[in-house]
Protein backbone atom coordinates (compact mmCIF):
# COMPACT_ATOMS: atom_id res chain seq x y z
CA MET A 1 0.00 0.00 0.00
CA LYS A 2 1.30 3.46 -0.84
CA LYS A 3 1.34 6.26 1.68
CA LEU A 4 1.81 9.90 0.73
CA PHE A 5 3.21 12.40 3.18
CA PHE A 6 3.50 16.17 2.81
CA LEU A 7 5.92 18.17 4.97
CA THR A 8 5.88 21.97 4.81
CA THR A 9 8.44 24.36 6.28
CA SER A 10 8.76 28.13 5.99
CA PHE A 11 10.87 27.81 2.85
CA PHE A 12 10.37 24.41 1.24
CA VAL A 13 7.66 21.91 0.44
CA PHE A 14 8.74 18.27 0.42
CA PHE A 15 6.77 15.62 -1.46
CA ILE A 16 7.62 12.20 -0.07
CA VAL A 17 6.35 8.87 -1.39
CA PHE A 18 6.56 5.74 0.74
CA SER A 19 5.83 2.78 -1.52
CA PHE A 20 6.88 -0.01 0.84
CA GLY A 21 4.31 -2.29 2.41
CA SER A 22 4.26 -3.49 6.01
CA ASP A 23 6.21 -6.59 5.00
CA ALA A 24 8.90 -4.55 3.23
CA LYS A 25 12.54 -5.62 3.34
CA TYR A 26 13.69 -2.09 4.08
CA LYS A 27 14.81 -1.14 7.56
CA ASN A 28 15.35 2.18 9.34
CA ILE A 29 12.66 4.01 7.37
CA PRO A 30 12.39 7.42 9.08
CA GLU A 31 9.10 8.39 10.68
CA ARG A 32 9.57 11.87 9.25
CA GLY A 33 11.92 12.19 6.34
CA PHE A 34 12.69 11.39 2.74
CA ILE A 35 13.30 8.03 1.05
CA SER A 36 14.19 6.99 -2.47
CA SER A 37 14.99 3.77 -4.31
CA GLU A 38 17.22 5.61 -6.82
CA GLN A 39 20.81 6.80 -6.45
CA ALA A 40 21.70 10.44 -6.97
CA LYS A 41 22.86 11.13 -10.52
CA THR A 42 24.24 14.61 -9.73
CA TRP A 43 25.12 16.59 -6.61
CA GLU A 44 21.77 18.40 -6.86
CA GLN A 45 20.05 15.08 -6.04
CA GLY A 46 22.32 14.24 -3.09
CA LEU A 47 21.18 13.81 0.51
CA ILE A 48 22.01 16.82 2.64
CA CYS A 49 23.00 16.90 6.31
CA GLY A 50 24.95 19.41 8.36
CA ASN A 51 25.31 21.29 11.63
CA GLY A 52 25.43 24.87 10.34
CA THR A 53 29.21 24.87 9.97
CA ILE A 54 30.09 21.62 8.16
CA GLY A 55 27.84 20.25 5.45
CA ALA A 56 27.76 16.87 3.72
CA ASN A 57 26.11 15.98 0.41
CA VAL A 58 25.74 12.19 0.05
CA LEU A 59 25.33 10.76 -3.44
CA SER A 60 24.38 7.36 -1.94
CA ARG A 61 26.12 5.07 -4.41
CA PRO A 62 26.68 1.61 -2.89
CA LEU A 63 29.98 0.61 -4.52
CA ASP A 64 31.53 3.94 -5.54
CA GLU A 65 30.26 6.44 -2.99
CA THR A 66 31.00 10.15 -3.05
CA ILE A 67 30.30 12.40 -0.07
CA ILE A 68 30.88 16.08 -0.85
CA PHE A 69 31.91 18.16 2.16
CA SER A 70 31.56 21.91 2.57
CA HIS A 71 32.17 24.55 5.24
CA GLU A 72 30.19 27.70 6.04
CA ARG A 73 33.26 29.95 5.59
CA LEU A 74 34.56 28.36 2.41
CA PHE A 75 34.15 31.23 -0.04
CA LEU A 76 36.85 31.02 -2.70
CA PRO A 77 39.08 34.12 -2.40
CA LYS A 78 39.33 35.62 -5.89
CA GLY A 79 41.39 38.69 -5.00
CA PRO A 80 41.25 41.73 -2.74
CA PRO A 81 37.75 43.24 -2.53
CA LEU A 82 37.15 46.76 -3.78
CA MET A 83 35.89 49.51 -1.54
CA PRO A 84 32.29 50.58 -2.22
CA PRO A 85 32.09 53.53 -4.65
CA ASP A 86 31.62 57.00 -3.17
CA ASN A 87 28.22 58.12 -4.42
CA ALA A 88 27.73 60.86 -1.85
CA ALA A 89 28.11 63.76 -4.29
CA ARG A 90 25.43 62.33 -6.63
CA LEU A 91 23.21 60.57 -4.08
CA PHE A 92 20.44 63.19 -4.32
CA GLU A 93 20.36 62.78 -8.10
CA ILE A 94 20.21 58.98 -7.86
CA ARG A 95 17.32 59.17 -5.40
CA ARG A 96 15.41 61.62 -7.63
CA LEU A 97 15.71 59.21 -10.57
CA ILE A 98 14.33 56.41 -8.40
CA ASP A 99 11.46 58.61 -7.18
CA ARG A 100 10.52 59.32 -10.82
CA GLY A 101 10.54 55.59 -11.62
CA LEU A 102 13.68 55.85 -13.77
CA TYR A 103 15.29 52.79 -12.21
CA LYS A 104 17.45 51.84 -15.18
CA GLN A 105 18.92 55.35 -15.39
CA SER A 106 19.60 55.44 -11.63
CA ALA A 107 21.36 52.07 -11.80
CA GLU A 108 23.45 53.16 -14.79
CA LEU A 109 24.48 56.36 -13.00
CA ALA A 110 25.52 54.44 -9.86
CA PHE A 111 27.44 51.96 -12.00
CA ASP A 112 29.24 54.71 -13.93
CA LEU A 113 30.35 56.25 -10.64
CA SER A 114 31.85 52.92 -9.50
CA GLY A 115 34.46 52.88 -12.26
CA GLN A 116 33.94 49.15 -12.85
CA ASP A 117 34.35 47.59 -16.31
CA GLY A 118 31.53 45.11 -15.73
CA PHE A 119 29.58 43.18 -13.14
CA MET A 120 31.80 41.82 -10.35
CA TYR A 121 30.81 38.51 -8.79
CA PRO A 122 31.47 38.06 -5.07
CA ASP A 123 33.70 35.27 -3.80
CA PRO A 124 31.73 32.09 -4.64
CA PHE A 125 30.80 29.38 -2.14
CA VAL A 126 32.67 26.19 -3.10
CA PRO A 127 32.98 22.60 -1.78
CA ALA A 128 35.92 21.52 0.36
CA PHE A 129 36.67 18.01 -0.90
CA ASP A 130 35.13 14.60 -1.61
CA LEU A 131 35.33 11.47 0.51
CA ASN A 132 35.33 8.57 -1.92
CA ILE A 133 34.47 5.05 -0.70
CA GLN A 134 34.91 2.08 -3.01
CA THR A 135 33.29 -1.06 -1.64
CA GLU A 136 33.73 -4.61 -2.91
CA LYS A 137 30.59 -6.56 -3.78
CA GLU A 138 29.54 -10.18 -3.98
CA GLY A 139 26.97 -10.66 -6.73
CA GLN A 140 24.27 -8.24 -7.86
CA ILE A 141 23.01 -5.27 -5.82
CA LYS A 142 19.36 -5.43 -4.71
CA ASP A 143 16.94 -3.92 -2.17
CA TYR A 144 18.55 -0.47 -2.42
CA MET A 145 17.18 2.47 -0.43
CA ARG A 146 18.47 5.86 0.68
CA SER A 147 16.88 8.23 3.15
CA VAL A 148 17.18 11.35 5.30
CA ASN A 149 15.77 11.42 8.83
CA PHE A 150 14.53 14.95 9.46
CA GLN A 151 14.38 14.35 13.24
CA THR A 152 18.02 13.31 13.69
CA GLY A 153 19.65 14.88 10.62
CA GLU A 154 20.97 11.49 9.46
CA ALA A 155 21.42 10.53 5.82
CA SER A 156 21.61 6.80 5.14
CA VAL A 157 21.86 4.25 2.35
CA GLN A 158 21.31 0.50 2.49
CA TRP A 159 21.55 -2.33 0.01
CA GLU A 160 22.06 -6.07 -0.23
CA ASP A 161 24.16 -8.47 -2.30
CA GLN A 162 24.85 -12.19 -2.04
CA GLY A 163 26.94 -11.60 1.07
CA GLY A 164 24.11 -9.89 2.96
CA LYS A 165 22.97 -6.38 3.93
CA PHE A 166 25.26 -3.35 3.91
CA GLY A 167 24.63 0.19 5.07
CA ARG A 168 26.04 3.66 5.63
CA ARG A 169 24.72 6.33 8.01
CA ILE A 170 26.08 9.85 8.43
CA PHE A 171 25.27 12.97 10.43
CA VAL A 172 27.16 16.15 11.28
CA SER A 173 27.33 16.60 15.04
CA ARG A 174 26.18 19.82 16.63
CA ALA A 175 27.75 18.74 19.93
CA ASP A 176 31.20 17.76 18.65
CA GLY A 177 31.54 19.78 15.43
CA ILE A 178 32.48 16.87 13.17
CA ALA A 179 30.85 14.59 10.60
CA VAL A 180 30.24 11.03 11.80
CA LEU A 181 29.98 8.19 9.28
CA LEU A 182 29.15 4.55 10.08
CA ILE A 183 29.67 1.82 7.47
CA THR A 184 28.33 -1.65 8.27
CA GLY A 185 28.60 -5.10 6.73
CA PRO A 186 26.38 -8.14 7.24
CA LYS A 187 28.85 -10.10 9.38
CA LYS A 188 32.39 -10.14 10.71
CA GLY A 189 35.01 -10.01 8.00
CA SER A 190 32.54 -9.02 5.26
CA LEU A 191 33.47 -5.36 4.74
CA HIS A 192 36.26 -4.58 2.27
CA CYS A 193 36.65 -1.01 1.01
CA ARG A 194 39.03 1.79 0.06
CA LEU A 195 38.73 5.39 1.22
CA ASN A 196 40.42 8.59 0.07
CA LEU A 197 39.98 12.35 0.09
CA LYS A 198 40.22 14.23 -3.19
CA PRO A 199 39.30 17.60 -4.73
CA ARG A 200 35.80 17.97 -6.17
CA ASN A 201 35.86 17.34 -9.93
CA PRO A 202 33.42 18.91 -12.41
CA SER A 203 30.28 16.89 -13.04
CA HIS A 204 30.47 14.51 -16.00
CA HIS A 205 27.04 15.83 -16.97
CA LEU A 206 28.68 19.10 -18.08
CA ASP A 207 29.80 19.54 -21.67
CA ALA A 208 33.48 19.63 -22.65
CA ARG A 209 33.63 23.43 -22.72
CA GLN A 210 32.16 23.74 -19.23
CA ILE A 211 34.52 21.10 -17.85
CA GLN A 212 37.56 22.84 -19.35
CA SER A 213 36.39 26.16 -17.92
CA SER A 214 35.91 24.62 -14.47
CA TYR A 215 39.41 23.14 -14.48
CA ARG A 216 40.87 26.45 -15.66
CA VAL A 217 39.22 28.41 -12.85
CA PHE A 218 40.15 25.75 -10.29
CA SER A 219 43.82 25.64 -11.28
CA SER A 220 44.12 29.43 -11.17
CA HIS A 221 42.71 29.68 -7.64
CA VAL A 222 43.69 26.44 -5.86
CA SER A 223 47.28 25.24 -5.42
CA ASP A 224 49.53 22.95 -3.38
CA ILE A 225 46.96 20.17 -3.02
CA LYS A 226 48.26 17.50 -0.66
CA THR A 227 46.44 14.30 0.26
CA ARG A 228 47.95 11.66 2.50
CA ALA A 229 47.07 8.40 4.22
CA ASP A 230 48.94 7.60 7.43
CA LYS A 231 48.00 4.75 9.79
CA ASN A 232 44.25 5.32 10.21
CA ASN A 233 44.08 8.98 9.11
CA LEU A 234 43.36 10.60 5.77
CA THR A 235 44.46 14.24 5.51
CA PHE A 236 43.73 16.90 2.90
CA ARG A 237 45.23 20.36 2.41
CA ASN A 238 45.26 23.01 -0.29
CA ARG A 239 46.20 26.68 -0.58
CA PHE A 240 44.29 29.48 -2.27
CA SER A 241 46.44 31.29 -4.83
CA ARG A 242 44.60 34.62 -4.68
CA ALA A 243 44.09 34.92 -0.93
CA TYR A 244 44.07 38.44 0.47
CA PRO A 245 44.41 39.89 4.00
CA GLY A 246 41.44 38.73 6.05
CA SER A 247 40.46 35.91 3.69
CA ILE A 248 41.09 32.20 4.10
CA HIS A 249 44.53 31.17 2.86
CA ALA A 250 44.27 27.39 3.07
CA LEU A 251 41.92 24.50 3.74
CA GLU A 252 42.62 21.40 5.84
CA GLY A 253 40.59 18.28 6.47
CA VAL A 254 40.98 15.02 8.40
CA ALA A 255 39.14 11.70 8.17
CA HIS A 256 39.90 9.35 11.08
CA VAL A 257 39.05 5.69 10.37
CA ILE A 258 38.30 3.11 13.09
CA ALA A 259 37.69 -0.49 11.99
CA ASP A 260 35.83 -3.11 14.01
CA ASN A 261 37.29 -6.61 13.52
CA GLY A 262 39.32 -5.61 10.51
CA THR A 263 42.62 -4.13 9.44
CA VAL A 264 43.42 -0.69 8.04
CA THR A 265 46.49 -0.16 5.87
CA SER A 266 47.70 2.97 4.07
CA GLU A 267 48.61 3.07 0.39
CA ARG A 268 49.81 6.54 -0.65
CA ASP A 269 46.67 8.68 -0.37
CA THR A 270 44.29 5.76 0.29
CA LEU A 271 43.26 3.74 3.33
CA ARG A 272 42.43 0.11 2.55
CA VAL A 273 40.10 -1.70 4.94
CA THR A 274 39.90 -5.50 4.86
CA GLY A 275 37.85 -7.98 6.85
CA ALA A 276 35.90 -5.47 8.94
CA HIS A 277 32.39 -5.81 10.36
CA LYS A 278 31.81 -2.08 10.66
CA LEU A 279 33.75 1.11 10.14
CA LEU A 280 33.52 4.46 11.95
CA VAL A 281 34.84 7.52 10.09
CA LEU A 282 35.12 10.90 11.82
CA ILE A 283 35.66 13.94 9.56
CA ASP A 284 36.69 17.48 10.47
CA ILE A 285 37.39 20.59 8.34
CA GLU A 286 39.20 23.82 9.21
CA MET A 287 39.69 27.10 7.36
CA ILE A 288 43.28 28.35 7.70
CA TYR A 289 43.89 32.10 7.90
CA ASP A 290 47.62 31.77 8.66
CA PRO A 291 49.07 29.41 6.02
CA GLU A 292 52.09 28.68 8.21
CA ASN A 293 49.92 27.50 11.11
CA SER A 294 48.51 24.05 10.36
CA LYS A 295 45.56 22.73 12.37
CA THR A 296 45.77 19.12 11.19
CA GLU A 297 47.28 17.78 14.42
CA ASP A 298 44.75 19.71 16.50
CA MET A 299 41.92 18.12 14.51
CA ILE A 300 43.39 14.64 14.93
CA GLN A 301 43.73 15.16 18.69
CA HIS A 302 40.17 16.44 18.96
CA ILE A 303 38.77 13.49 17.02
CA SER A 304 40.85 11.00 19.01
CA SER A 305 39.41 12.36 22.26
CA LEU A 306 35.83 11.53 21.22
CA PRO A 307 33.96 8.27 21.95
CA ALA A 308 34.55 5.76 19.16
CA ASP A 309 30.87 4.78 19.09
CA TYR A 310 28.28 5.97 16.55
CA ASN A 311 25.24 5.71 18.82
CA THR A 312 26.97 7.60 21.64
CA LEU A 313 27.96 10.40 19.29
CA LEU A 314 24.46 10.47 17.78
CA LYS A 315 22.87 10.81 21.23
CA ARG A 316 25.20 13.72 22.05
CA HIS A 317 24.10 15.32 18.78
CA THR A 318 20.34 14.85 19.24
CA ASP A 319 20.06 15.61 22.98
């Protein structure tokens, strides 16, 4: 039997279709939330969660997952900002044009006084990096579902293959200021995957000209990208080529990986997990205003001080 639910907020209207009967195979269906039996094709269709500072966009792909991370202060510095134009001497004239309904003429006059050659875009909001998770499978994928729980802020995906049921759950903690990801397998020794952090690439849905333009802009503004895997930590760092006084100069991120009944080994910029039952990944992001003052070790220490238990961290977040 199908059930239709409508959820309205001040800004959005969500249309949610639950098409699973009482004997459905799907578990953890949120009481209030969103579910889908289709993977996200683009980032616009991803599942969103966040705590107001760190955001995560989950594409929910079982075997080749991408989670796009962002930060509230991550506006790409494109160069020193200009001071606002001094319109004081002509302000009366501009206001008179507006009063007479001559809005185009008033805008043109204000623009002429600015001395600009054209419209100037502000520093754009950009993603931080991607967490990529490649998971081994056993047979065909079936019983796929992804969801967002509006009450807890969790995004999740679950599926099954011949080995059993797999799942991923993620939220961004308000209490601890980090993203918390849990990856589970059906039994001990069943989870084999590879994890790495990498820069966000242009969507393959763009045409060749758009992709070339994206790479050109990226390469002119982002430099010194460094990704590393060491023991059970993934680290990411880049600098911003056109940083200016007061702007961010660099970005750093850490993903701390804790395996249950498995082993974690590092291979260049990748952590390889073999024979695990479940995996806890804790992710933190920092904006760097002094490029000579790294915060990577501080992030690792903060993450290491937290309980290595998903449910405990979730309770701290929801209480």
